[in-house]
Amino acid sequence: MKDNKIIVVGDGDFANEESRPPRENMVFLINMVEYLMDDVGLAEIRTKISPESPIEETSDGNKKFLKYFNLIFPPALVLIIGLIAWKRRNDRKKSMQVKSN
């Protein structure tokens, strides 16, 4: 007969996303479930994950630059690649016409 396991937590808010810090609480919840399922090896590995680092706020100038860069650069890149492909295709057609004449 297997030994039974039970975990008692005093407050259910630990699994709430609004509580601080949420990452550690979710890791705790996942580790509890894995412990109850006899999957302790994964629970030990998961606790070694480095803590999350918050994203730093960027300046307004940097935000504007990124906004316009992302607005202009991708279409410009597609346009340039399209023009290069069109030019190569036209050059190839011209060289084939010269060879056939």
C-alpha atoms as a PDB file:
ATOM      1  CA  MET A   1       0.000   0.000   0.000  1.00  0.00           C
ATOM      2  CA  LYS A   2       1.306   3.453  -0.944  1.00  0.00           C
ATOM      3  CA  ASP A   3       1.732   6.242   1.537  1.00  0.00           C
ATOM      4  CA  ASN A   4      -0.815   9.004   1.181  1.00  0.00           C
ATOM      5  CA  LYS A   5       0.195  12.635   0.850  1.00  0.00           C
ATOM      6  CA  ILE A   6      -1.618  15.804   1.752  1.00  0.00           C
ATOM      7  CA  ILE A   7      -0.680  19.468   1.557  1.00  0.00           C
ATOM      8  CA  VAL A   8      -2.461  22.086   3.638  1.00  0.00           C
ATOM      9  CA  VAL A   9      -2.295  25.749   2.651  1.00  0.00           C
ATOM     10  CA  GLY A  10      -3.779  28.361   4.955  1.00  0.00           C
ATOM     11  CA  ASP A  11      -5.077  30.686   2.239  1.00  0.00           C
ATOM     12  CA  GLY A  12      -6.256  30.073  -1.310  1.00  0.00           C
ATOM     13  CA  ASP A  13      -5.030  33.487  -2.482  1.00  0.00           C
ATOM     14  CA  PHE A  14      -1.534  32.109  -3.097  1.00  0.00           C
ATOM     15  CA  ALA A  15      -2.753  30.863  -6.511  1.00  0.00           C
ATOM     16  CA  ASN A  16      -4.376  34.203  -7.340  1.00  0.00           C
ATOM     17  CA  GLU A  17      -2.606  36.147 -10.098  1.00  0.00           C
ATOM     18  CA  GLU A  18      -3.131  39.395  -8.184  1.00  0.00           C
ATOM     19  CA  SER A  19      -0.929  38.299  -5.273  1.00  0.00           C
ATOM     20  CA  ARG A  20       2.745  39.295  -5.179  1.00  0.00           C
ATOM     21  CA  PRO A  21       5.002  37.812  -6.517  1.00  0.00           C
ATOM     22  CA  PRO A  22       2.828  35.644  -8.799  1.00  0.00           C
ATOM     23  CA  ARG A  23       5.631  33.607 -10.399  1.00  0.00           C
ATOM     24  CA  GLU A  24       6.823  32.093  -7.157  1.00  0.00           C
ATOM     25  CA  ASN A  25       3.264  31.272  -6.124  1.00  0.00           C
ATOM     26  CA  MET A  26       2.541  29.484  -9.395  1.00  0.00           C
ATOM     27  CA  VAL A  27       5.800  27.532  -9.099  1.00  0.00           C
ATOM     28  CA  PHE A  28       4.737  26.592  -5.566  1.00  0.00           C
ATOM     29  CA  LEU A  29       1.339  25.404  -6.842  1.00  0.00           C
ATOM     30  CA  ILE A  30       2.889  23.358  -9.669  1.00  0.00           C
ATOM     31  CA  ASN A  31       5.420  21.838  -7.267  1.00  0.00           C
ATOM     32  CA  MET A  32       2.605  20.843  -4.897  1.00  0.00           C
ATOM     33  CA  VAL A  33       0.688  19.101  -7.683  1.00  0.00           C
ATOM     34  CA  GLU A  34       3.817  17.293  -8.882  1.00  0.00           C
ATOM     35  CA  TYR A  35       4.657  16.259  -5.312  1.00  0.00           C
ATOM     36  CA  LEU A  36       1.181  14.809  -4.875  1.00  0.00           C
ATOM     37  CA  MET A  37       1.586  12.944  -8.159  1.00  0.00           C
ATOM     38  CA  ASP A  38       4.969  11.522  -7.007  1.00  0.00           C
ATOM     39  CA  ASP A  39       6.867  13.537  -9.588  1.00  0.00           C
ATOM     40  CA  VAL A  40       9.348  15.112  -7.151  1.00  0.00           C
ATOM     41  CA  GLY A  41      12.246  15.097  -9.626  1.00  0.00           C
ATOM     42  CA  LEU A  42      10.613  17.714 -11.838  1.00  0.00           C
ATOM     43  CA  ALA A  43       9.610  19.787  -8.829  1.00  0.00           C
ATOM     44  CA  GLU A  44      13.231  19.979  -7.681  1.00  0.00           C
ATOM     45  CA  ILE A  45      14.417  21.027 -11.140  1.00  0.00           C
ATOM     46  CA  ARG A  46      11.736  23.706 -11.478  1.00  0.00           C
ATOM     47  CA  THR A  47      12.739  25.447  -8.234  1.00  0.00           C
ATOM     48  CA  LYS A  48      16.182  26.157  -9.700  1.00  0.00           C
ATOM     49  CA  ILE A  49      14.723  28.516 -12.340  1.00  0.00           C
ATOM     50  CA  SER A  50      16.089  32.018 -11.944  1.00  0.00           C
ATOM     51  CA  PRO A  51      13.632  34.615 -10.683  1.00  0.00           C
ATOM     52  CA  GLU A  52      11.921  36.778 -13.266  1.00  0.00           C
ATOM     53  CA  SER A  53      13.323  40.232 -13.805  1.00  0.00           C
ATOM     54  CA  PRO A  54      10.893  43.050 -14.479  1.00  0.00           C
ATOM     55  CA  ILE A  55      10.995  44.909 -17.786  1.00  0.00           C
ATOM     56  CA  GLU A  56      12.518  48.345 -17.402  1.00  0.00           C
ATOM     57  CA  GLU A  57      10.556  51.384 -18.564  1.00  0.00           C
ATOM     58  CA  THR A  58      11.969  53.040 -21.698  1.00  0.00           C
ATOM     59  CA  SER A  59      12.129  56.748 -22.457  1.00  0.00           C
ATOM     60  CA  ASP A  60       9.562  58.491 -24.665  1.00  0.00           C
ATOM     61  CA  GLY A  61      12.209  59.165 -27.324  1.00  0.00           C
ATOM     62  CA  ASN A  62      13.118  55.489 -27.467  1.00  0.00           C
ATOM     63  CA  LYS A  63       9.433  54.540 -27.676  1.00  0.00           C
ATOM     64  CA  LYS A  64       8.917  56.913 -30.624  1.00  0.00           C
ATOM     65  CA  PHE A  65      12.010  55.585 -32.395  1.00  0.00           C
ATOM     66  CA  LEU A  66      10.872  51.978 -31.985  1.00  0.00           C
ATOM     67  CA  LYS A  67       7.349  52.869 -33.083  1.00  0.00           C
ATOM     68  CA  TYR A  68       8.451  54.508 -36.325  1.00  0.00           C
ATOM     69  CA  PHE A  69      11.218  51.968 -36.949  1.00  0.00           C
ATOM     70  CA  ASN A  70       8.702  49.123 -36.710  1.00  0.00           C
ATOM     71  CA  LEU A  71       6.263  51.073 -38.870  1.00  0.00           C
ATOM     72  CA  ILE A  72       8.727  51.934 -41.666  1.00  0.00           C
ATOM     73  CA  PHE A  73      11.512  49.312 -41.694  1.00  0.00           C
ATOM     74  CA  PRO A  74       9.546  46.084 -42.402  1.00  0.00           C
ATOM     75  CA  PRO A  75       7.618  47.474 -45.410  1.00  0.00           C
ATOM     76  CA  ALA A  76      10.784  49.142 -46.719  1.00  0.00           C
ATOM     77  CA  LEU A  77      12.687  45.859 -46.417  1.00  0.00           C
ATOM     78  CA  VAL A  78       9.953  43.983 -48.298  1.00  0.00           C
ATOM     79  CA  LEU A  79       9.952  46.701 -50.970  1.00  0.00           C
ATOM     80  CA  ILE A  80      13.742  46.557 -51.376  1.00  0.00           C
ATOM     81  CA  ILE A  81      13.756  42.753 -51.620  1.00  0.00           C
ATOM     82  CA  GLY A  82      10.913  42.925 -54.144  1.00  0.00           C
ATOM     83  CA  LEU A  83      12.778  45.496 -56.254  1.00  0.00           C
ATOM     84  CA  ILE A  84      15.947  43.379 -56.212  1.00  0.00           C
ATOM     85  CA  ALA A  85      13.989  40.277 -57.279  1.00  0.00           C
ATOM     86  CA  TRP A  86      12.209  42.266 -60.029  1.00  0.00           C
ATOM     87  CA  LYS A  87      15.535  43.689 -61.299  1.00  0.00           C
ATOM     88  CA  ARG A  88      17.173  40.245 -61.361  1.00  0.00           C
ATOM     89  CA  ARG A  89      14.181  38.770 -63.199  1.00  0.00           C
ATOM     90  CA  ASN A  90      14.275  41.553 -65.811  1.00  0.00           C
ATOM     91  CA  ASP A  91      18.045  41.144 -66.257  1.00  0.00           C
ATOM     92  CA  ARG A  92      17.599  37.393 -66.708  1.00  0.00           C
ATOM     93  CA  LYS A  93      14.841  37.925 -69.303  1.00  0.00           C
ATOM     94  CA  LYS A  94      17.006  40.414 -71.215  1.00  0.00           C
ATOM     95  CA  SER A  95      19.992  38.059 -71.218  1.00  0.00           C
ATOM     96  CA  MET A  96      17.779  35.197 -72.480  1.00  0.00           C
ATOM     97  CA  GLN A  97      16.413  37.423 -75.254  1.00  0.00           C
ATOM     98  CA  VAL A  98      19.940  38.424 -76.305  1.00  0.00           C
ATOM     99  CA  LYS A  99      21.040  34.765 -76.360  1.00  0.00           C
ATOM    100  CA  SER A 100      18.021  33.700 -78.434  1.00  0.00           C
ATOM    101  CA  ASN A 101      18.602  36.429 -81.075  1.00  0.00           C
END
